[in-house]
PDB file of N, CA and C in Angstrom:
ATOM      1  N   UNK A   1     -73.129  54.408  52.097  1.00  0.00           N
ATOM      2  CA  UNK A   1     -73.172  53.166  52.893  1.00  0.00           C
ATOM      3  C   UNK A   1     -74.712  52.745  52.979  1.00  0.00           C
ATOM      4  N   UNK A   2     -74.905  51.423  52.847  1.00  0.00           N
ATOM      5  CA  UNK A   2     -76.186  50.809  52.979  1.00  0.00           C
ATOM      6  C   UNK A   2     -76.189  49.893  54.179  1.00  0.00           C
ATOM      7  N   UNK A   3     -77.328  49.956  54.760  1.00  0.00           N
ATOM      8  CA  UNK A   3     -77.530  48.903  55.937  1.00  0.00           C
ATOM      9  C   UNK A   3     -78.219  47.768  55.360  1.00  0.00           C
ATOM     10  N   UNK A   4     -77.552  46.656  55.429  1.00  0.00           N
ATOM     11  CA  UNK A   4     -78.003  45.318  55.038  1.00  0.00           C
ATOM     12  C   UNK A   4     -78.052  44.403  56.078  1.00  0.00           C
ATOM     13  N   UNK A   5     -79.321  44.256  56.601  1.00  0.00           N
ATOM     14  CA  UNK A   5     -79.474  43.426  57.842  1.00  0.00           C
ATOM     15  C   UNK A   5     -78.618  43.835  58.888  1.00  0.00           C
ATOM     16  N   UNK A   6     -77.944  42.917  59.568  1.00  0.00           N
ATOM     17  CA  UNK A   6     -77.040  43.108  60.691  1.00  0.00           C
ATOM     18  C   UNK A   6     -75.625  43.745  60.301  1.00  0.00           C
ATOM     19  N   UNK A   7     -75.346  43.763  58.995  1.00  0.00           N
ATOM     20  CA  UNK A   7     -74.010  44.177  58.573  1.00  0.00           C
ATOM     21  C   UNK A   7     -74.158  45.444  57.885  1.00  0.00           C
ATOM     22  N   UNK A   8     -73.306  46.326  58.130  1.00  0.00           N
ATOM     23  CA  UNK A   8     -73.280  47.651  57.393  1.00  0.00           C
ATOM     24  C   UNK A   8     -72.250  47.541  56.258  1.00  0.00           C
ATOM     25  N   UNK A   9     -72.662  47.876  55.063  1.00  0.00           N
ATOM     26  CA  UNK A   9     -72.083  47.653  53.937  1.00  0.00           C
ATOM     27  C   UNK A   9     -71.568  49.185  53.394  1.00  0.00           C
ATOM     28  N   UNK A  10     -70.481  49.210  52.872  1.00  0.00           N
ATOM     29  CA  UNK A  10     -70.055  50.460  52.184  1.00  0.00           C
ATOM     30  C   UNK A  10     -69.671  49.991  50.667  1.00  0.00           C
ATOM     31  N   UNK A  11     -70.228  50.941  49.711  1.00  0.00           N
ATOM     32  CA  UNK A  11     -69.944  50.507  48.440  1.00  0.00           C
ATOM     33  C   UNK A  11     -68.893  51.577  47.697  1.00  0.00           C
ATOM     34  N   UNK A  12     -68.151  51.149  46.952  1.00  0.00           N
ATOM     35  CA  UNK A  12     -67.047  51.870  46.326  1.00  0.00           C
ATOM     36  C   UNK A  12     -67.081  51.767  44.818  1.00  0.00           C
ATOM     37  N   UNK A  13     -66.731  52.793  43.976  1.00  0.00           N
ATOM     38  CA  UNK A  13     -66.503  52.491  42.625  1.00  0.00           C
ATOM     39  C   UNK A  13     -65.050  52.527  42.364  1.00  0.00           C
ATOM     40  N   UNK A  14     -64.603  51.534  41.789  1.00  0.00           N
ATOM     41  CA  UNK A  14     -63.187  51.357  41.408  1.00  0.00           C
ATOM     42  C   UNK A  14     -62.804  52.015  39.982  1.00  0.00           C
ATOM     43  N   UNK A  15     -61.549  52.415  39.759  1.00  0.00           N
ATOM     44  CA  UNK A  15     -61.276  53.081  38.687  1.00  0.00           C
ATOM     45  C   UNK A  15     -61.448  52.310  37.333  1.00  0.00           C
ATOM     46  N   UNK A  16     -61.685  51.029  37.469  1.00  0.00           N
ATOM     47  CA  UNK A  16     -62.059  50.342  36.409  1.00  0.00           C
ATOM     48  C   UNK A  16     -63.494  50.224  36.032  1.00  0.00           C
ATOM     49  N   UNK A  17     -64.419  50.938  37.005  1.00  0.00           N
ATOM     50  CA  UNK A  17     -65.770  51.235  36.712  1.00  0.00           C
ATOM     51  C   UNK A  17     -66.703  50.332  37.439  1.00  0.00           C
ATOM     52  N   UNK A  18     -66.147  49.129  38.140  1.00  0.00           N
ATOM     53  CA  UNK A  18     -67.035  48.310  38.728  1.00  0.00           C
ATOM     54  C   UNK A  18     -67.290  48.779  40.120  1.00  0.00           C
ATOM     55  N   UNK A  19     -68.515  48.644  40.635  1.00  0.00           N
ATOM     56  CA  UNK A  19     -68.917  49.139  41.986  1.00  0.00           C
ATOM     57  C   UNK A  19     -69.047  47.835  42.832  1.00  0.00           C
ATOM     58  N   UNK A  20     -68.405  47.861  43.883  1.00  0.00           N
ATOM     59  CA  UNK A  20     -68.183  46.695  44.811  1.00  0.00           C
ATOM     60  C   UNK A  20     -68.463  47.099  46.195  1.00  0.00           C
ATOM     61  N   UNK A  21     -68.921  46.361  47.105  1.00  0.00           N
ATOM     62  CA  UNK A  21     -69.119  46.444  48.460  1.00  0.00           C
ATOM     63  C   UNK A  21     -68.374  45.608  49.416  1.00  0.00           C
ATOM     64  N   UNK A  22     -68.084  46.137  50.616  1.00  0.00           N
ATOM     65  CA  UNK A  22     -67.569  45.313  51.680  1.00  0.00           C
ATOM     66  C   UNK A  22     -68.130  45.776  53.017  1.00  0.00           C
ATOM     67  N   UNK A  23     -67.953  45.045  54.090  1.00  0.00           N
ATOM     68  CA  UNK A  23     -68.368  45.600  55.266  1.00  0.00           C
ATOM     69  C   UNK A  23     -67.801  46.842  55.728  1.00  0.00           C
ATOM     70  N   UNK A  24     -68.400  47.804  56.337  1.00  0.00           N
ATOM     71  CA  UNK A  24     -67.929  49.066  56.696  1.00  0.00           C
ATOM     72  C   UNK A  24     -66.561  49.102  57.454  1.00  0.00           C
ATOM     73  N   UNK A  25     -66.453  48.019  58.259  1.00  0.00           N
ATOM     74  CA  UNK A  25     -65.424  47.844  59.144  1.00  0.00           C
ATOM     75  C   UNK A  25     -64.070  47.596  58.385  1.00  0.00           C
ATOM     76  N   UNK A  26     -64.315  46.914  57.320  1.00  0.00           N
ATOM     77  CA  UNK A  26     -63.156  46.695  56.292  1.00  0.00           C
ATOM     78  C   UNK A  26     -62.533  47.933  55.966  1.00  0.00           C
ATOM     79  N   UNK A  27     -63.462  48.676  55.200  1.00  0.00           N
ATOM     80  CA  UNK A  27     -62.924  50.051  54.765  1.00  0.00           C
ATOM     81  C   UNK A  27     -62.341  50.803  55.831  1.00  0.00           C
ATOM     82  N   UNK A  28     -62.994  50.924  56.931  1.00  0.00           N
ATOM     83  CA  UNK A  28     -62.427  51.777  58.187  1.00  0.00           C
ATOM     84  C   UNK A  28     -61.066  51.150  58.437  1.00  0.00           C
ATOM     85  N   UNK A  29     -60.870  49.943  58.447  1.00  0.00           N
ATOM     86  CA  UNK A  29     -59.472  49.314  58.884  1.00  0.00           C
ATOM     87  C   UNK A  29     -58.540  49.694  57.593  1.00  0.00           C
ATOM     88  N   UNK A  30     -58.825  49.714  56.465  1.00  0.00           N
ATOM     89  CA  UNK A  30     -57.893  50.077  55.440  1.00  0.00           C
ATOM     90  C   UNK A  30     -57.593  51.613  55.465  1.00  0.00           C
ATOM     91  N   UNK A  31     -58.541  52.223  55.755  1.00  0.00           N
ATOM     92  CA  UNK A  31     -58.403  53.738  56.031  1.00  0.00           C
ATOM     93  C   UNK A  31     -57.293  54.050  57.083  1.00  0.00           C
ATOM     94  N   UNK A  32     -57.392  53.224  58.038  1.00  0.00           N
ATOM     95  CA  UNK A  32     -56.381  53.392  59.349  1.00  0.00           C
ATOM     96  C   UNK A  32     -55.151  52.846  59.040  1.00  0.00           C
ATOM     97  N   UNK A  33     -55.015  51.557  58.347  1.00  0.00           N
ATOM     98  CA  UNK A  33     -53.621  50.951  58.240  1.00  0.00           C
ATOM     99  C   UNK A  33     -53.159  51.257  56.923  1.00  0.00           C
ATOM    100  N   UNK A  34     -53.891  51.926  55.963  1.00  0.00           N
ATOM    101  CA  UNK A  34     -53.352  52.321  54.627  1.00  0.00           C
ATOM    102  C   UNK A  34     -52.738  51.196  53.785  1.00  0.00           C
ATOM    103  N   UNK A  35     -53.267  49.921  54.023  1.00  0.00           N
ATOM    104  CA  UNK A  35     -52.839  48.935  53.230  1.00  0.00           C
ATOM    105  C   UNK A  35     -53.723  48.697  52.000  1.00  0.00           C
ATOM    106  N   UNK A  36     -53.248  48.223  50.945  1.00  0.00           N
ATOM    107  CA  UNK A  36     -53.969  47.999  49.715  1.00  0.00           C
ATOM    108  C   UNK A  36     -55.273  47.122  49.902  1.00  0.00           C
ATOM    109  N   UNK A  37     -56.115  47.297  49.160  1.00  0.00           N
ATOM    110  CA  UNK A  37     -57.243  46.225  48.947  1.00  0.00           C
ATOM    111  C   UNK A  37     -57.748  46.247  47.501  1.00  0.00           C
ATOM    112  N   UNK A  38     -58.360  45.236  47.138  1.00  0.00           N
ATOM    113  CA  UNK A  38     -58.601  45.007  45.788  1.00  0.00           C
ATOM    114  C   UNK A  38     -59.987  44.720  45.346  1.00  0.00           C
ATOM    115  N   UNK A  39     -60.387  45.387  44.266  1.00  0.00           N
ATOM    116  CA  UNK A  39     -61.843  45.123  43.636  1.00  0.00           C
ATOM    117  C   UNK A  39     -61.871  43.648  43.149  1.00  0.00           C
ATOM    118  N   UNK A  40     -63.212  43.300  42.790  1.00  0.00           N
ATOM    119  CA  UNK A  40     -63.304  41.979  42.272  1.00  0.00           C
ATOM    120  C   UNK A  40     -62.595  41.646  41.023  1.00  0.00           C
ATOM    121  N   UNK A  41     -62.374  42.778  40.182  1.00  0.00           N
ATOM    122  CA  UNK A  41     -61.496  42.665  38.926  1.00  0.00           C
ATOM    123  C   UNK A  41     -59.865  42.571  39.095  1.00  0.00           C
ATOM    124  N   UNK A  42     -59.609  42.776  40.460  1.00  0.00           N
ATOM    125  CA  UNK A  42     -58.087  42.649  40.777  1.00  0.00           C
ATOM    126  C   UNK A  42     -57.340  43.996  40.921  1.00  0.00           C
ATOM    127  N   UNK A  43     -58.241  45.218  40.703  1.00  0.00           N
ATOM    128  CA  UNK A  43     -57.462  46.329  40.684  1.00  0.00           C
ATOM    129  C   UNK A  43     -57.114  46.788  42.098  1.00  0.00           C
ATOM    130  N   UNK A  44     -55.829  47.190  42.158  1.00  0.00           N
ATOM    131  CA  UNK A  44     -55.410  47.560  43.590  1.00  0.00           C
ATOM    132  C   UNK A  44     -55.846  48.932  43.915  1.00  0.00           C
ATOM    133  N   UNK A  45     -56.315  49.167  45.229  1.00  0.00           N
ATOM    134  CA  UNK A  45     -56.895  50.445  45.669  1.00  0.00           C
ATOM    135  C   UNK A  45     -56.233  50.683  47.007  1.00  0.00           C
ATOM    136  N   UNK A  46     -56.120  51.953  47.396  1.00  0.00           N
ATOM    137  CA  UNK A  46     -55.597  52.276  48.689  1.00  0.00           C
ATOM    138  C   UNK A  46     -56.109  53.741  49.135  1.00  0.00           C
ATOM    139  N   UNK A  47     -56.320  53.950  50.311  1.00  0.00           N
ATOM    140  CA  UNK A  47     -56.732  55.135  50.903  1.00  0.00           C
ATOM    141  C   UNK A  47     -55.483  55.924  51.273  1.00  0.00           C
ATOM    142  N   UNK A  48     -55.219  57.028  50.576  1.00  0.00           N
ATOM    143  CA  UNK A  48     -53.939  57.686  50.889  1.00  0.00           C
ATOM    144  C   UNK A  48     -54.301  58.683  52.127  1.00  0.00           C
ATOM    145  N   UNK A  49     -53.166  58.887  52.978  1.00  0.00           N
ATOM    146  CA  UNK A  49     -53.334  59.855  54.087  1.00  0.00           C
ATOM    147  C   UNK A  49     -53.141  61.273  53.619  1.00  0.00           C
ATOM    148  N   UNK A  50     -53.979  62.140  54.148  1.00  0.00           N
ATOM    149  CA  UNK A  50     -53.937  63.445  53.668  1.00  0.00           C
ATOM    150  C   UNK A  50     -52.551  64.013  53.879  1.00  0.00           C
ATOM    151  N   UNK A  51     -51.776  64.678  53.001  1.00  0.00           N
ATOM    152  CA  UNK A  51     -50.647  65.077  52.983  1.00  0.00           C
ATOM    153  C   UNK A  51     -50.330  66.334  54.111  1.00  0.00           C
ATOM    154  N   UNK A  52     -49.230  66.592  54.502  1.00  0.00           N
ATOM    155  CA  UNK A  52     -49.078  67.707  55.410  1.00  0.00           C
ATOM    156  C   UNK A  52     -49.398  68.906  54.664  1.00  0.00           C
ATOM    157  N   UNK A  53     -49.105  69.118  53.341  1.00  0.00           N
ATOM    158  CA  UNK A  53     -49.516  70.139  52.376  1.00  0.00           C
ATOM    159  C   UNK A  53     -51.090  70.426  52.400  1.00  0.00           C
ATOM    160  N   UNK A  54     -51.718  69.411  52.295  1.00  0.00           N
ATOM    161  CA  UNK A  54     -53.212  69.324  52.277  1.00  0.00           C
ATOM    162  C   UNK A  54     -53.789  69.845  53.498  1.00  0.00           C
ATOM    163  N   UNK A  55     -53.183  69.481  54.640  1.00  0.00           N
ATOM    164  CA  UNK A  55     -53.694  69.899  56.075  1.00  0.00           C
ATOM    165  C   UNK A  55     -53.352  71.310  56.088  1.00  0.00           C
ATOM    166  N   UNK A  56     -52.311  71.821  55.689  1.00  0.00           N
ATOM    167  CA  UNK A  56     -51.815  73.195  55.871  1.00  0.00           C
ATOM    168  C   UNK A  56     -52.675  74.081  55.072  1.00  0.00           C
ATOM    169  N   UNK A  57     -52.952  73.640  53.897  1.00  0.00           N
ATOM    170  CA  UNK A  57     -53.849  74.292  52.923  1.00  0.00           C
ATOM    171  C   UNK A  57     -55.246  74.536  53.518  1.00  0.00           C
ATOM    172  N   UNK A  58     -55.749  73.421  54.063  1.00  0.00           N
ATOM    173  CA  UNK A  58     -57.030  73.601  54.787  1.00  0.00           C
ATOM    174  C   UNK A  58     -56.892  74.612  55.949  1.00  0.00           C
ATOM    175  N   UNK A  59     -55.852  74.519  56.727  1.00  0.00           N
ATOM    176  CA  UNK A  59     -55.788  75.259  58.014  1.00  0.00           C
ATOM    177  C   UNK A  59     -55.650  76.712  57.440  1.00  0.00           C
ATOM    178  N   UNK A  60     -54.869  76.972  56.418  1.00  0.00           N
ATOM    179  CA  UNK A  60     -54.623  78.408  55.932  1.00  0.00           C
ATOM    180  C   UNK A  60     -55.938  79.095  55.338  1.00  0.00           C
ATOM    181  N   UNK A  61     -56.697  78.159  54.718  1.00  0.00           N
ATOM    182  CA  UNK A  61     -57.941  78.751  54.053  1.00  0.00           C
ATOM    183  C   UNK A  61     -59.043  79.000  55.297  1.00  0.00           C
ATOM    184  N   UNK A  62     -59.007  78.230  56.451  1.00  0.00           N
ATOM    185  CA  UNK A  62     -59.738  78.562  57.505  1.00  0.00           C
ATOM    186  C   UNK A  62     -59.262  79.778  58.197  1.00  0.00           C
ATOM    187  N   UNK A  63     -57.922  79.968  58.187  1.00  0.00           N
ATOM    188  CA  UNK A  63     -57.425  81.231  58.890  1.00  0.00           C
ATOM    189  C   UNK A  63     -57.787  82.399  58.008  1.00  0.00           C
ATOM    190  N   UNK A  64     -57.828  82.294  56.735  1.00  0.00           N
ATOM    191  CA  UNK A  64     -58.101  83.438  55.786  1.00  0.00           C
ATOM    192  C   UNK A  64     -59.606  83.779  55.888  1.00  0.00           C
ATOM    193  N   UNK A  65     -60.418  82.729  56.172  1.00  0.00           N
ATOM    194  CA  UNK A  65     -61.904  82.950  56.267  1.00  0.00           C
ATOM    195  C   UNK A  65     -62.185  83.707  57.616  1.00  0.00           C
ATOM    196  N   UNK A  66     -61.384  83.224  58.625  1.00  0.00           N
ATOM    197  CA  UNK A  66     -61.710  84.048  59.912  1.00  0.00           C
ATOM    198  C   UNK A  66     -61.075  85.429  59.909  1.00  0.00           C
ATOM    199  N   UNK A  67     -60.042  85.712  59.161  1.00  0.00           N
ATOM    200  CA  UNK A  67     -59.562  86.808  59.210  1.00  0.00           C
ATOM    201  C   UNK A  67     -60.380  87.772  58.363  1.00  0.00           C
ATOM    202  N   UNK A  68     -61.013  87.162  57.355  1.00  0.00           N
ATOM    203  CA  UNK A  68     -62.008  88.211  56.492  1.00  0.00           C
ATOM    204  C   UNK A  68     -63.289  88.441  57.508  1.00  0.00           C
ATOM    205  N   UNK A  69     -63.605  87.457  58.192  1.00  0.00           N
ATOM    206  CA  UNK A  69     -64.894  87.825  59.033  1.00  0.00           C
ATOM    207  C   UNK A  69     -64.552  89.019  60.041  1.00  0.00           C
ATOM    208  N   UNK A  70     -63.299  88.861  60.638  1.00  0.00           N
ATOM    209  CA  UNK A  70     -62.759  89.885  61.601  1.00  0.00           C
ATOM    210  C   UNK A  70     -62.679  91.203  60.903  1.00  0.00           C
ATOM    211  N   UNK A  71     -62.072  91.308  59.664  1.00  0.00           N
ATOM    212  CA  UNK A  71     -61.960  92.381  58.851  1.00  0.00           C
ATOM    213  C   UNK A  71     -63.352  93.138  58.507  1.00  0.00           C
ATOM    214  N   UNK A  72     -64.345  92.294  58.156  1.00  0.00           N
ATOM    215  CA  UNK A  72     -65.708  92.691  57.847  1.00  0.00           C
ATOM    216  C   UNK A  72     -66.227  93.430  59.126  1.00  0.00           C
ATOM    217  N   UNK A  73     -66.082  92.721  60.314  1.00  0.00           N
ATOM    218  CA  UNK A  73     -66.630  93.187  61.515  1.00  0.00           C
ATOM    219  C   UNK A  73     -66.110  94.632  61.659  1.00  0.00           C
ATOM    220  N   UNK A  74     -64.798  94.844  61.648  1.00  0.00           N
ATOM    221  CA  UNK A  74     -64.350  96.093  62.009  1.00  0.00           C
ATOM    222  C   UNK A  74     -64.517  97.109  60.932  1.00  0.00           C
ATOM    223  N   UNK A  75     -64.755  96.676  59.751  1.00  0.00           N
ATOM    224  CA  UNK A  75     -65.068  97.591  58.689  1.00  0.00           C
ATOM    225  C   UNK A  75     -66.577  98.357  59.004  1.00  0.00           C
ATOM    226  N   UNK A  76     -67.501  97.423  59.578  1.00  0.00           N
ATOM    227  CA  UNK A  76     -68.735  97.803  59.983  1.00  0.00           C
ATOM    228  C   UNK A  76     -68.598  98.691  61.189  1.00  0.00           C
ATOM    229  N   UNK A  77     -67.836  98.505  62.086  1.00  0.00           N
ATOM    230  CA  UNK A  77     -67.698  99.164  63.314  1.00  0.00           C
ATOM    231  C   UNK A  77     -67.066 100.629  62.840  1.00  0.00           C
ATOM    232  N   UNK A  78     -66.097 100.692  61.874  1.00  0.00           N
ATOM    233  CA  UNK A  78     -65.461 102.013  61.606  1.00  0.00           C
ATOM    234  C   UNK A  78     -66.615 102.767  60.942  1.00  0.00           C
ATOM    235  N   UNK A  79     -67.349 102.210  60.079  1.00  0.00           N
ATOM    236  CA  UNK A  79     -68.308 102.875  59.311  1.00  0.00           C
ATOM    237  C   UNK A  79     -69.467 103.532  60.262  1.00  0.00           C
ATOM    238  N   UNK A  80     -69.866 102.619  61.304  1.00  0.00           N
ATOM    239  CA  UNK A  80     -70.684 103.112  62.291  1.00  0.00           C
ATOM    240  C   UNK A  80     -70.276 104.347  63.066  1.00  0.00           C
ATOM    241  N   UNK A  81     -68.921 104.179  63.457  1.00  0.00           N
ATOM    242  CA  UNK A  81     -68.372 105.273  64.197  1.00  0.00           C
ATOM    243  C   UNK A  81     -68.189 106.555  63.256  1.00  0.00           C
ATOM    244  N   UNK A  82     -68.001 106.399  62.097  1.00  0.00           N
ATOM    245  CA  UNK A  82     -67.868 107.558  61.120  1.00  0.00           C
ATOM    246  C   UNK A  82     -69.260 108.266  60.955  1.00  0.00           C
ATOM    247  N   UNK A  83     -70.229 107.406  60.849  1.00  0.00           N
ATOM    248  CA  UNK A  83     -71.606 107.934  60.786  1.00  0.00           C
ATOM    249  C   UNK A  83     -71.887 108.670  62.151  1.00  0.00           C
ATOM    250  N   UNK A  84     -71.647 108.085  63.212  1.00  0.00           N
ATOM    251  CA  UNK A  84     -71.986 108.614  64.574  1.00  0.00           C
ATOM    252  C   UNK A  84     -71.194 110.031  64.687  1.00  0.00           C
ATOM    253  N   UNK A  85     -69.937 109.959  64.293  1.00  0.00           N
ATOM    254  CA  UNK A  85     -69.117 111.357  64.333  1.00  0.00           C
ATOM    255  C   UNK A  85     -69.643 112.385  63.463  1.00  0.00           C
ATOM    256  N   UNK A  86     -70.114 112.020  62.387  1.00  0.00           N
ATOM    257  CA  UNK A  86     -70.790 113.004  61.378  1.00  0.00           C
ATOM    258  C   UNK A  86     -72.101 113.438  61.963  1.00  0.00           C
ATOM    259  N   UNK A  87     -72.805 112.628  62.722  1.00  0.00           N
ATOM    260  CA  UNK A  87     -74.023 112.946  63.348  1.00  0.00           C
ATOM    261  C   UNK A  87     -73.794 113.988  64.442  1.00  0.00           C
ATOM    262  N   UNK A  88     -72.841 113.618  65.331  1.00  0.00           N
ATOM    263  CA  UNK A  88     -72.465 114.561  66.413  1.00  0.00           C
ATOM    264  C   UNK A  88     -71.894 115.979  65.911  1.00  0.00           C
ATOM    265  N   UNK A  89     -71.114 115.980  64.762  1.00  0.00           N
ATOM    266  CA  UNK A  89     -70.721 117.072  64.251  1.00  0.00           C
ATOM    267  C   UNK A  89     -71.736 118.037  63.599  1.00  0.00           C
ATOM    268  N   UNK A  90     -72.788 117.306  62.960  1.00  0.00           N
ATOM    269  CA  UNK A  90     -73.957 118.189  62.477  1.00  0.00           C
ATOM    270  C   UNK A  90     -74.666 118.743  63.586  1.00  0.00           C
ATOM    271  N   UNK A  91     -74.975 117.850  64.647  1.00  0.00           N
ATOM    272  CA  UNK A  91     -75.796 118.440  65.929  1.00  0.00           C
ATOM    273  C   UNK A  91     -74.959 119.547  66.451  1.00  0.00           C
ATOM    274  N   UNK A  92     -73.662 119.448  66.725  1.00  0.00           N
ATOM    275  CA  UNK A  92     -72.889 120.506  67.223  1.00  0.00           C
ATOM    276  C   UNK A  92     -73.015 121.898  66.304  1.00  0.00           C
ATOM    277  N   UNK A  93     -72.956 121.805  65.064  1.00  0.00           N
ATOM    278  CA  UNK A  93     -72.910 122.846  64.270  1.00  0.00           C
ATOM    279  C   UNK A  93     -74.387 123.518  64.244  1.00  0.00           C
ATOM    280  N   UNK A  94     -75.348 122.621  64.284  1.00  0.00           N
ATOM    281  CA  UNK A  94     -76.800 123.192  64.496  1.00  0.00           C
ATOM    282  C   UNK A  94     -76.831 124.003  65.776  1.00  0.00           C
ATOM    283  N   UNK A  95     -76.364 123.538  66.920  1.00  0.00           N
ATOM    284  CA  UNK A  95     -76.627 124.201  68.207  1.00  0.00           C
ATOM    285  C   UNK A  95     -75.615 125.438  68.044  1.00  0.00           C
ATOM    286  N   UNK A  96     -74.442 125.325  67.631  1.00  0.00           N
ATOM    287  CA  UNK A  96     -73.563 126.502  67.516  1.00  0.00           C
ATOM    288  C   UNK A  96     -74.267 127.625  66.699  1.00  0.00           C
ATOM    289  N   UNK A  97     -74.811 127.278  65.509  1.00  0.00           N
ATOM    290  CA  UNK A  97     -75.478 128.216  64.711  1.00  0.00           C
ATOM    291  C   UNK A  97     -76.732 128.869  65.360  1.00  0.00           C
ATOM    292  N   UNK A  98     -77.421 128.088  66.115  1.00  0.00           N
ATOM    293  CA  UNK A  98     -78.549 128.517  66.923  1.00  0.00           C
ATOM    294  C   UNK A  98     -78.090 129.440  67.926  1.00  0.00           C
ATOM    295  N   UNK A  99     -77.087 129.127  68.669  1.00  0.00           N
ATOM    296  CA  UNK A  99     -76.499 130.047  69.761  1.00  0.00           C
ATOM    297  C   UNK A  99     -76.025 131.368  69.133  1.00  0.00           C
ATOM    298  N   UNK A 100     -75.304 131.333  67.966  1.00  0.00           N
ATOM    299  CA  UNK A 100     -74.848 132.378  67.307  1.00  0.00           C
ATOM    300  C   UNK A 100     -76.047 133.396  66.827  1.00  0.00           C
ATOM    301  N   UNK A 101     -77.163 132.717  66.393  1.00  0.00           N
ATOM    302  CA  UNK A 101     -78.378 133.545  66.020  1.00  0.00           C
ATOM    303  C   UNK A 101     -79.091 134.126  67.096  1.00  0.00           C
ATOM    304  N   UNK A 102     -78.956 133.457  68.255  1.00  0.00           N
ATOM    305  CA  UNK A 102     -79.629 134.074  69.526  1.00  0.00           C
ATOM    306  C   UNK A 102     -78.793 135.349  70.015  1.00  0.00           C
ATOM    307  N   UNK A 103     -77.476 135.280  69.847  1.00  0.00           N
ATOM    308  CA  UNK A 103     -76.725 136.408  70.311  1.00  0.00           C
ATOM    309  C   UNK A 103     -76.825 137.706  69.317  1.00  0.00           C
ATOM    310  N   UNK A 104     -77.156 137.380  68.093  1.00  0.00           N
ATOM    311  CA  UNK A 104     -77.294 138.659  67.381  1.00  0.00           C
ATOM    312  C   UNK A 104     -78.529 139.409  67.734  1.00  0.00           C
ATOM    313  N   UNK A 105     -79.542 138.760  68.368  1.00  0.00           N
ATOM    314  CA  UNK A 105     -80.771 139.448  68.427  1.00  0.00           C
ATOM    315  C   UNK A 105     -80.682 140.475  69.697  1.00  0.00           C
TER     316      UNK A 105
END
């Protein structure tokens, strides 16, 4: 998008290779009403609506990303708990061995 004086212009490249511009409002209207528009060479262009499959694909990718974040969080929590358990177990055995050593004397 290029700001030209008081009008906002948007430039598009057509499949024929020509670059052409129109007021931004024109392209926004075409995106909304899905009607065709034409480049200066006469090529028909249209903004297609994102398909239901495309939206579902995006939603599922985001859902997978969120699930991976949750999985990673709980993996870290499990590792922390495992290390903590090992630490307490080692401390317990040290105290137990110390107490057994004191009883022998």
